[in-house]
Amino acid sequence: MRRFFLILLLLGAAGGGAYVYQRNGGHVPGLARLTAALAPAKAKPRKIWPPAPVEVATAKTARVPVWLDGLGTVQASATVTVVPMISGPLVAIPFHEGQDVKAGQLLARIDPRPYQAALEQARAKKAQDEATLAGARGDLARYEMLAARNYASAQQAADERATVAALAAQIKADQAAIDTAATNLGYTRLLAPVAGRTGIRQIDLGNIITPASVGGLVTITTLHPIAVVFSLPQQQLPAITAAMAAGPVVVEATPQGDLRGARVLDRGRLTVLDNLVNAQTGTLKLKALFPNPHLRLWPGAFVTVRLKVKTLPHAVVVPPVAVQQGPKGPYVYVVVAKGNRKKKKFKVALRPVTLGPVTARLAVIATGLAPGERVVVNGTGALRAGKKIRIVRPPAPARPGAPATAGVDGPHALAGAGHAS
């Protein structure tokens, strides 16, 4: 009975649906919307990104010198303040300020007359004592002869011998006085103790100069050669000692802040490595000597000192801008070519590298890169591993009367035998 009522219900629903279908001209309301809602959604078209434009450079093999840089202070190899040993008025100053003088050259004269008179007095005193000594020796000879014949006592002869010995000692004292007076007379001529350049004169002609005069007469500084004192971190001690053991260590002086060595003021050699490390700063003090023929180094000036510790004969180098820093260390984007010769496609691969010395012009790749491989130097901001790229030519500097041209590697290409500086 229940089954009969279920069949009647289904037949009624089917009839009602047929009636609605016929009444609406064969159209069921909402059916289209229901069908559209149940139909699978159409996939959106995938956007294709164009290759990223980049500039590249080729890794080269180069002979790279390794330099250590430090800040140094120029010092004269000798600095002497000319101070008199005696007092007196200045009667002559035959030099001018800023003059180059030679060792032993006359700089000034002190009035010599009092010292000449003292010398003559010492000589006269010696002559007087020599005459007295001659008389005493004659008396001694007579007293010894009389004492031998018992015409005089032995005590008289002994006293005369003592007189002769005292006068002989006096003669020696007189000679010492003569030498002192002659030395003081020589001190009236102030001579240059070293070769160098004079500074500003501290006292004028006619003034009385003494050993206590502040600043003396003038200061002489030796500029040929000249020294530079500089400091380096104590971690560089093994490299410095190894370089010194291998032979003379080359040192360059450049203007302060010039780490590229674009303008070398002078080249010299390392002469002194201090015998202790500064415990407060953890640095080593070193001294280098420069010939300074053109006087480009001046006492008191600050310069950048570049010390050459070794040379890498076959180093793989790239421009420093090619090296990127990531969470796991430095890396470069290496260009990978695919396809045939006519239709090549380029991608980039992320390559971790180990760095060697890095300068303003090149970076040494210790491991991770081979010579001849190309790396991205411009346009790395939009790159990731596997990204397609398009190699572009960087703009070449315009030259008057010549069209601007540049190769694929452009100005980022490295010379095959360049030097780091």
Protein backbone atom coordinates (compact mmCIF):
# COMPACT_ATOMS: atom_id res chain seq x y z
CA MET A 1 0.00 0.00 0.00
CA ARG A 2 2.87 2.35 0.89
CA ARG A 3 4.62 1.58 -2.36
CA PHE A 4 1.41 2.49 -4.26
CA PHE A 5 1.26 5.98 -2.67
CA LEU A 6 5.03 6.56 -3.47
CA ILE A 7 4.42 5.72 -7.15
CA LEU A 8 1.44 8.11 -7.29
CA LEU A 9 3.63 10.91 -5.79
CA LEU A 10 6.37 10.44 -8.37
CA LEU A 11 3.84 10.38 -11.25
CA GLY A 12 2.31 13.65 -9.98
CA ALA A 13 5.71 15.37 -9.79
CA ALA A 14 6.57 14.23 -13.30
CA GLY A 15 3.25 15.49 -14.65
CA GLY A 16 3.68 18.88 -13.00
CA GLY A 17 7.10 19.25 -14.47
CA ALA A 18 5.82 18.39 -17.93
CA TYR A 19 3.04 20.96 -17.59
CA VAL A 20 5.48 23.73 -16.62
CA TYR A 21 7.83 22.80 -19.44
CA GLN A 22 5.01 22.98 -22.05
CA ARG A 23 3.64 26.23 -20.63
CA ASN A 24 7.02 27.98 -20.86
CA GLY A 25 7.63 26.90 -24.39
CA GLY A 26 10.12 24.21 -23.54
CA HIS A 27 12.16 26.42 -21.13
CA VAL A 28 12.66 25.59 -17.46
CA PRO A 29 13.34 28.70 -15.29
CA GLY A 30 16.70 28.66 -13.48
CA LEU A 31 17.93 25.66 -15.38
CA ALA A 32 20.56 27.64 -17.29
CA ARG A 33 21.90 29.20 -14.11
CA LEU A 34 22.00 25.81 -12.43
CA THR A 35 23.81 24.30 -15.38
CA ALA A 36 26.32 27.17 -15.50
CA ALA A 37 26.94 26.86 -11.79
CA LEU A 38 27.54 23.13 -12.04
CA ALA A 39 29.78 23.43 -15.13
CA PRO A 40 33.60 23.39 -14.46
CA ALA A 41 35.27 26.84 -14.43
CA LYS A 42 37.39 27.74 -17.44
CA ALA A 43 41.16 28.06 -16.75
CA LYS A 44 42.58 31.60 -16.97
CA PRO A 45 45.37 32.12 -19.55
CA ARG A 46 48.87 32.01 -17.87
CA LYS A 47 50.87 35.23 -18.14
CA ILE A 48 54.29 34.77 -19.81
CA TRP A 49 57.02 37.08 -18.43
CA PRO A 50 59.62 38.34 -20.94
CA PRO A 51 63.31 37.54 -20.36
CA ALA A 52 65.04 39.95 -17.97
CA PRO A 53 67.60 42.29 -19.62
CA VAL A 54 71.03 41.96 -17.99
CA GLU A 55 74.64 42.94 -18.57
CA VAL A 56 77.30 40.28 -18.21
CA ALA A 57 81.07 39.96 -17.85
CA THR A 58 83.41 37.08 -18.51
CA ALA A 59 85.53 35.58 -15.73
CA LYS A 60 89.21 35.92 -16.60
CA THR A 61 92.52 34.63 -15.30
CA ALA A 62 94.83 37.37 -14.06
CA ARG A 63 98.01 37.92 -12.10
CA VAL A 64 96.74 39.68 -8.98
CA PRO A 65 98.98 41.28 -6.34
CA VAL A 66 97.57 41.16 -2.82
CA TRP A 67 97.77 44.46 -0.93
CA LEU A 68 97.13 45.37 2.69
CA ASP A 69 95.84 48.91 3.24
CA GLY A 70 96.37 51.12 6.25
CA LEU A 71 96.38 54.77 7.28
CA GLY A 72 99.84 56.24 7.80
CA THR A 73 101.51 59.45 8.94
CA VAL A 74 104.47 60.91 7.08
CA GLN A 75 107.54 61.56 9.22
CA ALA A 76 110.89 63.06 8.33
CA SER A 77 113.63 60.46 8.40
CA ALA A 78 115.59 62.88 10.63
CA THR A 79 114.39 65.95 12.55
CA VAL A 80 117.02 68.09 14.29
CA THR A 81 116.56 71.31 16.26
CA VAL A 82 119.71 73.42 16.03
CA VAL A 83 120.48 74.60 19.59
CA PRO A 84 123.76 76.36 20.52
CA MET A 85 126.13 74.91 23.08
CA ILE A 86 127.26 78.37 24.24
CA SER A 87 125.74 81.81 24.75
CA GLY A 88 126.38 84.97 22.82
CA PRO A 89 125.01 87.50 20.33
CA LEU A 90 124.32 86.34 16.78
CA VAL A 91 126.57 88.20 14.34
CA ALA A 92 125.72 86.27 11.13
CA ILE A 93 122.93 84.02 9.81
CA PRO A 94 123.98 82.97 6.30
CA PHE A 95 120.88 80.91 5.45
CA HIS A 96 117.24 81.66 4.68
CA GLU A 97 114.11 79.93 5.87
CA GLY A 98 113.01 76.94 3.81
CA GLN A 99 116.47 76.45 2.31
CA ASP A 100 117.88 73.02 1.54
CA VAL A 101 121.16 72.70 3.41
CA LYS A 102 123.92 70.12 3.43
CA ALA A 103 125.43 68.46 6.47
CA GLY A 104 128.18 70.73 7.90
CA GLN A 105 126.89 73.88 6.21
CA LEU A 106 127.24 77.10 8.25
CA LEU A 107 123.91 78.28 9.65
CA ALA A 108 124.93 81.05 12.08
CA ARG A 109 127.87 82.60 13.91
CA ILE A 110 128.01 83.73 17.53
CA ASP A 111 130.41 86.55 18.44
CA PRO A 112 133.70 84.62 18.81
CA ARG A 113 135.81 87.29 20.53
CA PRO A 114 135.23 86.29 24.17
CA TYR A 115 135.93 82.68 23.35
CA GLN A 116 139.02 83.58 21.31
CA ALA A 117 140.34 85.55 24.28
CA ALA A 118 139.67 82.62 26.62
CA LEU A 119 141.65 80.38 24.28
CA GLU A 120 144.61 82.76 24.23
CA GLN A 121 144.49 83.02 28.02
CA ALA A 122 144.57 79.23 28.37
CA ARG A 123 147.51 79.01 25.99
CA ALA A 124 149.41 81.70 27.93
CA LYS A 125 148.75 79.90 31.19
CA LYS A 126 150.18 76.72 29.75
CA ALA A 127 153.29 78.52 28.52
CA GLN A 128 153.80 80.03 31.98
CA ASP A 129 153.47 76.67 33.68
CA GLU A 130 155.79 75.05 31.17
CA ALA A 131 158.49 77.65 32.01
CA THR A 132 157.98 77.01 35.73
CA LEU A 133 158.23 73.28 35.10
CA ALA A 134 161.50 73.71 33.25
CA GLY A 135 162.98 75.63 36.21
CA ALA A 136 161.74 73.01 38.68
CA ARG A 137 163.32 70.24 36.66
CA GLY A 138 166.68 72.11 36.74
CA ASP A 139 166.44 72.54 40.51
CA LEU A 140 165.60 68.85 40.87
CA ALA A 141 168.69 67.86 38.95
CA ARG A 142 170.94 70.03 41.18
CA TYR A 143 169.33 68.79 44.42
CA GLU A 144 169.77 65.18 43.37
CA MET A 145 173.46 65.80 42.60
CA LEU A 146 174.02 67.55 45.94
CA ALA A 147 172.13 64.87 47.85
CA ALA A 148 174.31 62.21 46.22
CA ARG A 149 177.42 64.02 47.61
CA ASN A 150 175.76 64.66 50.97
CA TYR A 151 175.72 68.45 50.38
CA ALA A 152 171.91 68.49 50.57
CA SER A 153 169.37 66.41 52.37
CA ALA A 154 167.35 63.71 50.68
CA GLN A 155 164.17 65.49 51.89
CA GLN A 156 164.97 68.54 49.77
CA ALA A 157 165.44 66.34 46.68
CA ALA A 158 162.12 64.56 47.37
CA ASP A 159 160.28 67.89 47.76
CA GLU A 160 161.68 69.08 44.44
CA ARG A 161 160.52 65.89 42.73
CA ALA A 162 157.01 66.50 44.06
CA THR A 163 157.11 70.07 42.73
CA VAL A 164 158.10 68.81 39.28
CA ALA A 165 155.25 66.24 39.27
CA ALA A 166 152.70 68.89 40.34
CA LEU A 167 153.82 71.22 37.57
CA ALA A 168 153.59 68.40 35.00
CA ALA A 169 150.02 67.73 36.10
CA GLN A 170 149.30 71.46 35.83
CA ILE A 171 150.52 71.39 32.25
CA LYS A 172 147.97 68.69 31.48
CA ALA A 173 145.23 70.77 33.09
CA ASP A 174 146.35 73.74 31.02
CA GLN A 175 146.09 71.64 27.86
CA ALA A 176 142.58 70.56 28.83
CA ALA A 177 141.64 74.21 29.35
CA ILE A 178 143.02 74.99 25.90
CA ASP A 179 140.98 72.19 24.37
CA THR A 180 137.84 73.43 26.14
CA ALA A 181 138.40 76.99 24.99
CA ALA A 182 139.05 75.79 21.43
CA THR A 183 135.85 73.71 21.53
CA ASN A 184 133.82 76.66 22.76
CA LEU A 185 135.35 78.80 20.05
CA GLY A 186 134.26 76.18 17.51
CA TYR A 187 130.74 76.27 18.95
CA THR A 188 130.49 79.89 17.82
CA ARG A 189 129.89 78.44 14.34
CA LEU A 190 126.49 76.70 14.23
CA LEU A 191 126.67 74.01 11.53
CA ALA A 192 123.91 71.87 10.04
CA PRO A 193 124.17 68.42 11.68
CA VAL A 194 122.17 66.70 8.90
CA ALA A 195 121.16 67.43 5.34
CA GLY A 196 117.60 68.62 4.94
CA ARG A 197 115.30 71.59 4.69
CA THR A 198 115.25 74.40 7.21
CA GLY A 199 112.02 75.55 8.79
CA ILE A 200 111.03 78.90 10.26
CA ARG A 201 113.88 80.70 12.05
CA GLN A 202 113.15 81.17 15.76
CA ILE A 203 115.61 84.01 16.51
CA ASP A 204 116.84 86.96 14.50
CA LEU A 205 120.24 88.49 13.90
CA GLY A 206 121.61 90.54 16.81
CA ASN A 207 119.78 88.67 19.55
CA ILE A 208 121.61 86.79 22.27
CA ILE A 209 121.12 83.07 21.88
CA THR A 210 121.67 80.58 24.70
CA PRO A 211 121.36 76.81 25.12
CA ALA A 212 118.09 77.49 26.95
CA SER A 213 116.55 79.44 24.04
CA VAL A 214 113.08 78.04 23.30
CA GLY A 215 113.00 76.40 19.87
CA GLY A 216 116.71 76.91 19.31
CA LEU A 217 117.77 78.60 16.09
CA VAL A 218 115.89 76.51 13.50
CA THR A 219 114.65 72.98 12.87
CA ILE A 220 116.00 70.89 9.99
CA THR A 221 113.98 67.99 8.55
CA THR A 222 115.40 65.39 6.20
CA LEU A 223 112.99 64.84 3.29
CA HIS A 224 115.19 62.58 1.12
CA PRO A 225 114.42 59.84 2.09
CA ILE A 226 111.25 60.21 4.12
CA ALA A 227 109.45 57.75 6.39
CA VAL A 228 105.79 56.76 6.82
CA VAL A 229 104.53 55.10 10.01
CA PHE A 230 101.28 53.13 9.68
CA SER A 231 99.28 50.41 11.44
CA LEU A 232 97.72 47.12 10.35
CA PRO A 233 95.54 44.59 12.21
CA GLN A 234 97.45 41.94 14.13
CA GLN A 235 95.65 39.23 12.09
CA GLN A 236 97.88 40.22 9.15
CA LEU A 237 101.09 39.40 11.05
CA PRO A 238 101.67 35.96 9.37
CA ALA A 239 101.29 37.46 5.90
CA ILE A 240 103.63 40.35 6.72
CA THR A 241 106.37 38.18 8.22
CA ALA A 242 106.14 35.75 5.29
CA ALA A 243 106.53 38.64 2.85
CA MET A 244 109.53 40.02 4.76
CA ALA A 245 111.16 36.58 4.76
CA ALA A 246 110.73 36.34 0.98
CA GLY A 247 112.59 39.57 0.28
CA PRO A 248 112.10 43.37 0.22
CA VAL A 249 108.45 44.28 0.72
CA VAL A 250 107.07 46.86 -1.71
CA VAL A 251 105.03 49.70 -0.21
CA GLU A 252 103.03 52.37 -2.02
CA ALA A 253 101.81 55.69 -0.64
CA THR A 254 98.62 57.17 -2.08
CA PRO A 255 96.47 60.15 -1.04
CA GLN A 256 94.34 59.59 2.02
CA GLY A 257 91.26 57.51 1.16
CA ASP A 258 92.58 56.35 -2.24
CA LEU A 259 92.34 52.55 -1.91
CA ARG A 260 92.46 51.96 -5.66
CA GLY A 261 96.01 53.22 -6.01
CA ALA A 262 94.91 55.49 -8.84
CA ARG A 263 97.49 58.11 -7.87
CA VAL A 264 100.68 56.72 -6.36
CA LEU A 265 102.63 59.44 -4.57
CA ASP A 266 105.76 57.32 -4.14
CA ARG A 267 106.97 53.73 -3.89
CA GLY A 268 109.27 52.51 -1.16
CA ARG A 269 110.07 49.51 0.99
CA LEU A 270 109.14 48.26 4.43
CA THR A 271 111.99 48.81 6.89
CA VAL A 272 110.65 48.16 10.41
CA LEU A 273 108.03 45.88 11.95
CA ASP A 274 107.49 46.90 15.56
CA ASN A 275 108.47 44.32 18.18
CA LEU A 276 105.12 44.30 19.97
CA VAL A 277 101.37 44.46 19.32
CA ASN A 278 99.38 47.34 20.73
CA ALA A 279 97.23 45.55 23.31
CA GLN A 280 94.62 48.32 23.35
CA THR A 281 93.97 48.50 19.61
CA GLY A 282 95.16 45.07 18.48
CA THR A 283 97.29 46.59 15.74
CA LEU A 284 100.88 46.38 14.54
CA LYS A 285 102.99 49.45 13.90
CA LEU A 286 105.18 49.45 10.78
CA LYS A 287 107.58 51.90 9.16
CA ALA A 288 108.40 52.29 5.49
CA LEU A 289 111.04 54.42 3.79
CA PHE A 290 110.41 56.33 0.54
CA PRO A 291 112.97 58.11 -1.69
CA ASN A 292 110.54 61.05 -2.16
CA PRO A 293 112.35 62.62 -5.14
CA HIS A 294 109.46 64.95 -6.03
CA LEU A 295 108.57 65.91 -2.44
CA ARG A 296 105.03 64.56 -2.76
CA LEU A 297 105.27 63.27 0.80
CA TRP A 298 105.46 65.92 3.50
CA PRO A 299 106.03 65.48 7.24
CA GLY A 300 102.81 65.40 9.23
CA ALA A 301 100.54 64.52 6.28
CA PHE A 302 98.16 61.54 6.33
CA VAL A 303 98.40 59.03 3.48
CA THR A 304 97.02 55.62 2.58
CA VAL A 305 99.74 52.98 2.68
CA ARG A 306 99.43 49.86 0.51
CA LEU A 307 101.72 46.97 1.43
CA LYS A 308 102.19 44.16 -1.08
CA VAL A 309 102.37 40.79 0.69
CA LYS A 310 102.13 38.36 -2.25
CA THR A 311 100.98 37.84 -5.84
CA LEU A 312 98.37 35.33 -7.03
CA PRO A 313 99.70 34.13 -10.43
CA HIS A 314 96.52 32.54 -11.89
CA ALA A 315 93.55 34.03 -10.09
CA VAL A 316 89.98 33.90 -11.46
CA VAL A 317 88.62 37.44 -11.33
CA VAL A 318 85.27 39.12 -11.99
CA PRO A 319 83.98 42.66 -11.40
CA PRO A 320 83.02 43.17 -7.74
CA VAL A 321 79.42 44.06 -8.72
CA ALA A 322 78.92 40.46 -9.92
CA VAL A 323 79.24 39.11 -6.38
CA GLN A 324 76.00 39.02 -4.36
CA GLN A 325 75.61 38.32 -0.66
CA GLY A 326 72.99 35.86 0.55
CA PRO A 327 72.07 34.14 3.82
CA LYS A 328 74.50 31.33 3.04
CA GLY A 329 77.34 33.53 1.83
CA PRO A 330 78.48 35.08 -1.46
CA TYR A 331 77.17 33.88 -4.82
CA VAL A 332 77.06 34.89 -8.47
CA TYR A 333 74.51 34.48 -11.26
CA VAL A 334 76.13 32.37 -14.00
CA VAL A 335 74.77 32.57 -17.56
CA VAL A 336 73.60 29.18 -18.93
CA ALA A 337 73.02 28.93 -22.70
CA LYS A 338 70.54 26.46 -24.25
CA GLY A 339 69.48 25.74 -27.82
CA ASN A 340 71.37 25.71 -31.10
CA ARG A 341 73.64 28.35 -32.54
CA LYS A 342 70.91 30.13 -34.47
CA LYS A 343 68.43 30.31 -31.63
CA LYS A 344 70.09 30.40 -28.26
CA LYS A 345 68.18 30.92 -25.05
CA PHE A 346 69.85 32.08 -21.88
CA LYS A 347 69.06 31.41 -18.26
CA VAL A 348 70.87 32.08 -15.03
CA ALA A 349 72.02 29.68 -12.36
CA LEU A 350 72.79 30.67 -8.80
CA ARG A 351 76.37 29.61 -8.01
CA PRO A 352 77.84 29.85 -4.47
CA VAL A 353 81.47 31.02 -4.52
CA THR A 354 84.39 31.49 -2.15
CA LEU A 355 85.98 34.93 -2.28
CA GLY A 356 89.63 35.83 -2.23
CA PRO A 357 90.93 39.41 -2.09
CA VAL A 358 88.36 41.99 -3.21
CA THR A 359 89.37 45.44 -4.45
CA ALA A 360 87.46 48.34 -5.93
CA ARG A 361 88.07 47.03 -9.46
CA LEU A 362 87.93 43.24 -9.22
CA ALA A 363 87.06 40.35 -6.97
CA VAL A 364 89.10 37.15 -6.83
CA ILE A 365 87.00 33.98 -6.90
CA ALA A 366 88.85 31.28 -4.98
CA THR A 367 86.37 28.47 -5.72
CA GLY A 368 83.05 28.09 -7.53
CA LEU A 369 83.80 29.69 -10.90
CA ALA A 370 85.92 28.75 -13.90
CA PRO A 371 87.63 31.07 -16.39
CA GLY A 372 85.45 31.80 -19.41
CA GLU A 373 82.12 31.57 -17.59
CA ARG A 374 79.91 34.63 -17.84
CA VAL A 375 78.32 36.25 -14.80
CA VAL A 376 75.63 38.91 -14.46
CA VAL A 377 76.93 42.31 -13.41
CA ASN A 378 73.85 44.49 -13.92
CA GLY A 379 70.17 43.62 -13.54
CA THR A 380 70.48 41.12 -10.70
CA GLY A 381 67.57 42.65 -8.79
CA ALA A 382 64.92 40.83 -10.87
CA LEU A 383 66.75 37.50 -11.10
CA ARG A 384 66.26 34.13 -9.47
CA ALA A 385 67.65 30.69 -10.20
CA GLY A 386 66.43 29.47 -13.62
CA LYS A 387 65.20 32.91 -14.76
CA LYS A 388 65.35 33.57 -18.51
CA ILE A 389 67.52 36.52 -19.45
CA ARG A 390 68.33 38.67 -22.43
CA ILE A 391 71.93 39.89 -22.69
CA VAL A 392 72.12 43.58 -23.56
CA ARG A 393 74.99 45.79 -24.48
CA PRO A 394 75.78 48.52 -21.94
CA PRO A 395 75.98 52.04 -23.34
CA ALA A 396 79.49 52.90 -24.46
CA PRO A 397 80.97 56.30 -23.63
CA ALA A 398 80.56 58.68 -26.53
CA ARG A 399 83.73 59.77 -28.28
CA PRO A 400 83.91 62.88 -30.46
CA GLY A 401 83.60 61.94 -34.12
CA ALA A 402 83.08 58.22 -33.48
CA PRO A 403 79.85 56.20 -33.09
CA ALA A 404 79.20 54.57 -29.74
CA THR A 405 79.95 50.85 -29.93
CA ALA A 406 80.47 48.18 -27.31
CA GLY A 407 80.83 44.43 -27.18
CA VAL A 408 78.53 42.06 -25.36
CA ASP A 409 80.63 42.26 -22.23
CA GLY A 410 81.11 46.00 -22.63
CA PRO A 411 83.13 47.90 -20.06
CA HIS A 412 82.70 45.05 -17.55
CA ALA A 413 85.08 42.80 -19.50
CA LEU A 414 88.35 42.17 -17.69
CA ALA A 415 91.83 42.13 -19.15
CA GLY A 416 93.54 38.78 -19.29
CA ALA A 417 96.53 39.96 -17.25
CA GLY A 418 95.23 42.76 -15.08
CA HIS A 419 96.46 43.77 -11.65
CA ALA A 420 94.48 44.50 -8.55
CA SER A 421 95.16 47.85 -7.05
